[in-house]
Amino acid sequence: MKHFRNALVVLTCATSLSFGCVGEATPRPELSHPKSFKECVAAGGAVLKSYPAQCVTSDGMRFVEDVERPRAGRACRDLCGNGTCEEVVCMAVGCPCAESWASCPADCKE
């Protein structure tokens, strides 16, 4: 009976060690980290409802969607040549463009 118990202990230890060795010998797949918003979405990242949209990976990496913004023309009105030097102007759309001696010498004298 004593020999049977010793054999059982040795067999159990050998089995445990063999599973441990097999686990170590199995190569792990390389984890690929996304490098863009599209890759993050493809990898199953959480897409936030924001503008522009953001994607967050499980480990906290954040990617922002590239959004092409339309290029508008000049927002200010060019009044150079009206006889008034527009040095101090508002910053809203439709306000006169700021003038200086360098940008509008006809209106702004030194």
N, C-alpha and C. Protein backbone atom coordinates (compact mmCIF):
# COMPACT_ATOMS: atom_id res chain seq x y z
N MET A 1 0.82 -1.18 0.00
CA MET A 1 0.00 0.00 0.00
C MET A 1 0.87 1.25 0.00
N LYS A 2 1.97 1.21 0.75
CA LYS A 2 2.88 2.33 0.83
C LYS A 2 3.50 2.60 -0.54
N HIS A 3 3.86 1.53 -1.26
CA HIS A 3 4.45 1.69 -2.59
C HIS A 3 3.43 2.27 -3.57
N PHE A 4 2.18 1.86 -3.44
CA PHE A 4 1.12 2.36 -4.30
C PHE A 4 0.92 3.86 -4.11
N ARG A 5 0.95 4.31 -2.83
CA ARG A 5 0.78 5.73 -2.52
C ARG A 5 1.95 6.53 -3.08
N ASN A 6 3.18 6.03 -2.93
CA ASN A 6 4.36 6.72 -3.46
C ASN A 6 4.29 6.80 -4.99
N ALA A 7 3.87 5.73 -5.62
CA ALA A 7 3.76 5.71 -7.07
C ALA A 7 2.70 6.72 -7.53
N LEU A 8 1.61 6.80 -6.78
CA LEU A 8 0.55 7.74 -7.12
C LEU A 8 1.03 9.18 -6.99
N VAL A 9 1.80 9.49 -5.98
CA VAL A 9 2.35 10.84 -5.78
C VAL A 9 3.32 11.17 -6.92
N VAL A 10 4.19 10.24 -7.27
CA VAL A 10 5.15 10.47 -8.35
C VAL A 10 4.42 10.67 -9.67
N LEU A 11 3.41 9.86 -9.93
CA LEU A 11 2.63 9.98 -11.17
C LEU A 11 1.91 11.32 -11.24
N THR A 12 1.34 11.75 -10.12
CA THR A 12 0.65 13.04 -10.07
C THR A 12 1.61 14.19 -10.34
N CYS A 13 2.78 14.14 -9.70
CA CYS A 13 3.78 15.19 -9.91
C CYS A 13 4.26 15.21 -11.35
N ALA A 14 4.52 14.05 -11.92
CA ALA A 14 4.99 13.96 -13.30
C ALA A 14 3.94 14.51 -14.26
N THR A 15 2.69 14.18 -14.02
CA THR A 15 1.60 14.68 -14.87
C THR A 15 1.49 16.19 -14.77
N SER A 16 1.57 16.73 -13.57
CA SER A 16 1.49 18.18 -13.38
C SER A 16 2.64 18.89 -14.07
N LEU A 17 3.83 18.34 -13.94
CA LEU A 17 4.99 18.94 -14.57
C LEU A 17 4.89 18.88 -16.08
N SER A 18 4.38 17.78 -16.63
CA SER A 18 4.29 17.68 -18.08
C SER A 18 3.30 18.69 -18.65
N PHE A 19 2.18 18.92 -17.95
CA PHE A 19 1.24 19.94 -18.41
C PHE A 19 1.86 21.33 -18.32
N GLY A 20 2.64 21.56 -17.29
CA GLY A 20 3.31 22.85 -17.15
C GLY A 20 4.31 23.07 -18.27
N CYS A 21 5.03 22.04 -18.66
CA CYS A 21 6.00 22.17 -19.74
C CYS A 21 5.32 22.37 -21.08
N VAL A 22 4.24 21.66 -21.31
CA VAL A 22 3.52 21.82 -22.57
C VAL A 22 2.98 23.24 -22.67
N GLY A 23 2.46 23.77 -21.57
CA GLY A 23 1.94 25.13 -21.56
C GLY A 23 3.00 26.15 -21.87
N GLU A 24 4.22 25.94 -21.40
CA GLU A 24 5.30 26.88 -21.66
C GLU A 24 5.81 26.76 -23.08
N ALA A 25 5.77 25.56 -23.65
CA ALA A 25 6.31 25.35 -24.99
C ALA A 25 5.38 25.86 -26.08
N THR A 26 4.11 26.04 -25.78
CA THR A 26 3.15 26.50 -26.78
C THR A 26 3.39 27.99 -27.04
N PRO A 27 3.68 28.34 -28.29
CA PRO A 27 3.93 29.77 -28.58
C PRO A 27 2.63 30.57 -28.49
N ARG A 28 2.76 31.77 -27.95
CA ARG A 28 1.60 32.66 -27.84
C ARG A 28 1.51 33.50 -29.10
N PRO A 29 0.30 33.75 -29.54
CA PRO A 29 0.17 34.62 -30.72
C PRO A 29 0.55 36.04 -30.35
N GLU A 30 1.18 36.73 -31.28
CA GLU A 30 1.57 38.13 -31.04
C GLU A 30 0.33 38.99 -30.97
N LEU A 31 0.27 39.86 -29.99
CA LEU A 31 -0.85 40.79 -29.89
C LEU A 31 -0.55 41.97 -30.80
N SER A 32 -1.46 42.25 -31.71
CA SER A 32 -1.25 43.39 -32.59
C SER A 32 -2.06 44.55 -32.04
N HIS A 33 -1.42 45.67 -31.94
CA HIS A 33 -2.08 46.88 -31.44
C HIS A 33 -2.51 47.72 -32.63
N PRO A 34 -3.73 48.21 -32.63
CA PRO A 34 -4.17 49.05 -33.75
C PRO A 34 -3.36 50.34 -33.80
N LYS A 35 -3.21 50.84 -35.00
CA LYS A 35 -2.44 52.07 -35.19
C LYS A 35 -3.28 53.19 -35.78
N SER A 36 -4.57 52.92 -35.99
CA SER A 36 -5.45 53.94 -36.55
C SER A 36 -6.87 53.72 -36.06
N PHE A 37 -7.73 54.68 -36.33
CA PHE A 37 -9.13 54.57 -35.95
C PHE A 37 -9.77 53.35 -36.62
N LYS A 38 -9.52 53.17 -37.92
CA LYS A 38 -10.12 52.05 -38.65
C LYS A 38 -9.65 50.71 -38.09
N GLU A 39 -8.36 50.59 -37.77
CA GLU A 39 -7.83 49.34 -37.20
C GLU A 39 -8.43 49.08 -35.82
N CYS A 40 -8.66 50.14 -35.05
CA CYS A 40 -9.26 50.00 -33.72
C CYS A 40 -10.68 49.47 -33.84
N VAL A 41 -11.45 50.01 -34.78
CA VAL A 41 -12.82 49.55 -34.99
C VAL A 41 -12.82 48.09 -35.45
N ALA A 42 -11.91 47.75 -36.39
CA ALA A 42 -11.83 46.38 -36.90
C ALA A 42 -11.45 45.39 -35.80
N ALA A 43 -10.66 45.86 -34.82
CA ALA A 43 -10.25 44.99 -33.72
C ALA A 43 -11.30 44.88 -32.62
N GLY A 44 -12.44 45.56 -32.80
CA GLY A 44 -13.52 45.46 -31.82
C GLY A 44 -13.46 46.50 -30.73
N GLY A 45 -12.76 47.61 -30.96
CA GLY A 45 -12.70 48.68 -29.97
C GLY A 45 -14.06 49.35 -29.80
N ALA A 46 -14.25 49.98 -28.65
CA ALA A 46 -15.51 50.67 -28.37
C ALA A 46 -15.51 52.02 -29.09
N VAL A 47 -16.54 52.28 -29.87
CA VAL A 47 -16.65 53.54 -30.60
C VAL A 47 -17.53 54.48 -29.80
N LEU A 48 -16.96 55.62 -29.43
CA LEU A 48 -17.68 56.62 -28.65
C LEU A 48 -18.54 57.48 -29.56
N LYS A 49 -19.70 57.90 -29.07
CA LYS A 49 -20.59 58.76 -29.84
C LYS A 49 -20.15 60.20 -29.63
N SER A 50 -19.16 60.60 -30.39
CA SER A 50 -18.64 61.96 -30.31
C SER A 50 -18.36 62.44 -31.72
N TYR A 51 -18.06 63.71 -31.87
CA TYR A 51 -17.66 64.21 -33.18
C TYR A 51 -16.34 64.93 -33.03
N PRO A 52 -15.32 64.49 -33.72
CA PRO A 52 -15.29 63.28 -34.52
C PRO A 52 -15.33 62.03 -33.63
N ALA A 53 -15.74 60.90 -34.22
CA ALA A 53 -15.87 59.66 -33.46
C ALA A 53 -14.52 59.24 -32.89
N GLN A 54 -14.54 58.58 -31.74
CA GLN A 54 -13.33 58.07 -31.10
C GLN A 54 -13.49 56.59 -30.85
N CYS A 55 -12.40 55.84 -30.97
CA CYS A 55 -12.40 54.41 -30.71
C CYS A 55 -11.42 54.14 -29.58
N VAL A 56 -11.85 53.36 -28.58
CA VAL A 56 -11.02 53.07 -27.42
C VAL A 56 -10.80 51.56 -27.34
N THR A 57 -9.53 51.15 -27.24
CA THR A 57 -9.20 49.73 -27.13
C THR A 57 -9.40 49.27 -25.69
N SER A 58 -9.33 47.96 -25.48
CA SER A 58 -9.53 47.41 -24.13
C SER A 58 -8.44 47.85 -23.16
N ASP A 59 -7.25 48.19 -23.69
CA ASP A 59 -6.17 48.65 -22.80
C ASP A 59 -6.09 50.17 -22.71
N GLY A 60 -7.11 50.88 -23.24
CA GLY A 60 -7.20 52.32 -23.04
C GLY A 60 -6.62 53.18 -24.14
N MET A 61 -6.09 52.58 -25.23
CA MET A 61 -5.57 53.40 -26.32
C MET A 61 -6.75 54.06 -27.03
N ARG A 62 -6.60 55.32 -27.40
CA ARG A 62 -7.70 56.08 -27.99
C ARG A 62 -7.29 56.59 -29.37
N PHE A 63 -8.19 56.41 -30.34
CA PHE A 63 -7.95 56.85 -31.71
C PHE A 63 -9.11 57.73 -32.15
N VAL A 64 -8.81 58.83 -32.84
CA VAL A 64 -9.83 59.77 -33.29
C VAL A 64 -10.00 59.62 -34.80
N GLU A 65 -11.24 59.56 -35.25
CA GLU A 65 -11.53 59.42 -36.67
C GLU A 65 -11.07 60.67 -37.42
N ASP A 66 -10.43 60.46 -38.57
CA ASP A 66 -10.04 61.58 -39.41
C ASP A 66 -11.27 62.06 -40.16
N VAL A 67 -11.59 63.31 -39.97
CA VAL A 67 -12.76 63.90 -40.64
C VAL A 67 -12.25 65.04 -41.51
N GLU A 68 -12.60 64.98 -42.78
CA GLU A 68 -12.20 66.05 -43.67
C GLU A 68 -13.11 67.23 -43.45
N ARG A 69 -12.53 68.33 -43.09
CA ARG A 69 -13.32 69.53 -42.86
C ARG A 69 -13.32 70.36 -44.15
N PRO A 70 -14.48 70.87 -44.52
CA PRO A 70 -14.53 71.69 -45.73
C PRO A 70 -13.75 72.99 -45.52
N ARG A 71 -13.04 73.38 -46.53
CA ARG A 71 -12.26 74.62 -46.44
C ARG A 71 -13.12 75.77 -46.95
N ALA A 72 -13.41 76.64 -46.07
CA ALA A 72 -14.23 77.79 -46.45
C ALA A 72 -13.33 78.90 -46.95
N GLY A 73 -13.90 79.80 -47.68
CA GLY A 73 -13.14 80.96 -48.12
C GLY A 73 -12.89 81.88 -46.93
N ARG A 74 -12.42 83.02 -47.21
CA ARG A 74 -12.11 83.98 -46.16
C ARG A 74 -13.39 84.40 -45.44
N ALA A 75 -13.39 84.35 -44.12
CA ALA A 75 -14.60 84.67 -43.36
C ALA A 75 -14.79 86.17 -43.18
N CYS A 76 -13.71 86.95 -43.31
CA CYS A 76 -13.84 88.40 -43.12
C CYS A 76 -13.99 89.09 -44.48
N ARG A 77 -14.51 90.32 -44.44
CA ARG A 77 -14.69 91.12 -45.66
C ARG A 77 -13.48 92.01 -45.86
N ASP A 78 -12.93 91.95 -47.06
CA ASP A 78 -11.75 92.77 -47.39
C ASP A 78 -12.24 94.17 -47.79
N LEU A 79 -12.00 95.16 -46.92
CA LEU A 79 -12.43 96.53 -47.18
C LEU A 79 -11.26 97.46 -47.48
N CYS A 80 -10.14 96.87 -47.87
CA CYS A 80 -8.96 97.70 -48.18
C CYS A 80 -9.30 98.63 -49.35
N GLY A 81 -9.01 99.88 -49.15
CA GLY A 81 -9.28 100.88 -50.18
C GLY A 81 -10.53 101.71 -49.91
N ASN A 82 -11.18 101.49 -48.75
CA ASN A 82 -12.39 102.28 -48.46
C ASN A 82 -12.06 103.59 -47.74
N GLY A 83 -10.80 103.85 -47.48
CA GLY A 83 -10.40 105.09 -46.84
C GLY A 83 -10.33 105.01 -45.33
N THR A 84 -10.71 103.91 -44.72
CA THR A 84 -10.67 103.73 -43.27
C THR A 84 -9.75 102.57 -42.93
N CYS A 85 -8.82 102.80 -42.02
CA CYS A 85 -7.92 101.74 -41.60
C CYS A 85 -8.63 100.90 -40.53
N GLU A 86 -8.97 99.69 -40.89
CA GLU A 86 -9.70 98.78 -40.00
C GLU A 86 -8.69 98.02 -39.13
N GLU A 87 -8.20 98.69 -38.09
CA GLU A 87 -7.18 98.05 -37.23
C GLU A 87 -7.82 97.14 -36.17
N VAL A 88 -8.91 97.59 -35.59
CA VAL A 88 -9.60 96.80 -34.56
C VAL A 88 -10.92 96.34 -35.15
N VAL A 89 -11.09 95.02 -35.27
CA VAL A 89 -12.28 94.46 -35.90
C VAL A 89 -12.86 93.36 -35.03
N CYS A 90 -14.11 93.00 -35.32
CA CYS A 90 -14.72 91.85 -34.64
C CYS A 90 -14.20 90.57 -35.28
N MET A 91 -14.43 89.44 -34.65
CA MET A 91 -13.91 88.18 -35.17
C MET A 91 -15.01 87.28 -35.73
N ALA A 92 -16.20 87.81 -35.96
CA ALA A 92 -17.30 87.00 -36.50
C ALA A 92 -17.23 86.95 -38.02
N VAL A 93 -17.97 86.03 -38.59
CA VAL A 93 -18.03 85.93 -40.04
C VAL A 93 -18.70 87.19 -40.58
N GLY A 94 -18.10 87.79 -41.61
CA GLY A 94 -18.66 88.99 -42.23
C GLY A 94 -18.08 90.29 -41.70
N CYS A 95 -17.30 90.24 -40.64
CA CYS A 95 -16.65 91.46 -40.14
C CYS A 95 -15.52 91.85 -41.08
N PRO A 96 -15.10 93.11 -41.04
CA PRO A 96 -13.97 93.52 -41.88
C PRO A 96 -12.69 92.79 -41.47
N CYS A 97 -11.83 92.55 -42.45
CA CYS A 97 -10.52 91.96 -42.15
C CYS A 97 -9.66 93.02 -41.47
N ALA A 98 -8.82 92.58 -40.55
CA ALA A 98 -7.92 93.52 -39.87
C ALA A 98 -6.91 94.06 -40.88
N GLU A 99 -6.69 95.37 -40.83
CA GLU A 99 -5.75 96.01 -41.75
C GLU A 99 -4.60 96.64 -40.97
N SER A 100 -3.48 96.71 -41.64
CA SER A 100 -2.31 97.39 -41.08
C SER A 100 -1.60 98.09 -42.23
N TRP A 101 -0.56 98.83 -41.92
CA TRP A 101 0.20 99.50 -42.96
C TRP A 101 0.76 98.48 -43.96
N ALA A 102 1.16 97.30 -43.48
CA ALA A 102 1.73 96.28 -44.37
C ALA A 102 0.65 95.63 -45.25
N SER A 103 -0.55 95.40 -44.71
CA SER A 103 -1.58 94.71 -45.49
C SER A 103 -2.43 95.65 -46.34
N CYS A 104 -2.57 96.92 -45.94
CA CYS A 104 -3.39 97.88 -46.70
C CYS A 104 -2.81 99.29 -46.57
N PRO A 105 -1.73 99.56 -47.31
CA PRO A 105 -1.10 100.89 -47.18
C PRO A 105 -1.99 102.02 -47.72
N ALA A 106 -2.99 101.71 -48.54
CA ALA A 106 -3.88 102.75 -49.07
C ALA A 106 -4.72 103.36 -47.95
N ASP A 107 -5.14 102.57 -46.98
CA ASP A 107 -5.98 103.04 -45.88
C ASP A 107 -5.19 103.39 -44.64
N CYS A 108 -4.13 102.68 -44.37
CA CYS A 108 -3.38 102.85 -43.12
C CYS A 108 -2.05 103.55 -43.43
N LYS A 109 -1.91 104.74 -42.98
CA LYS A 109 -0.67 105.51 -43.19
C LYS A 109 0.21 105.36 -41.96
N GLU A 110 1.51 105.49 -42.13
CA GLU A 110 2.43 105.36 -40.99
C GLU A 110 2.30 106.54 -40.08
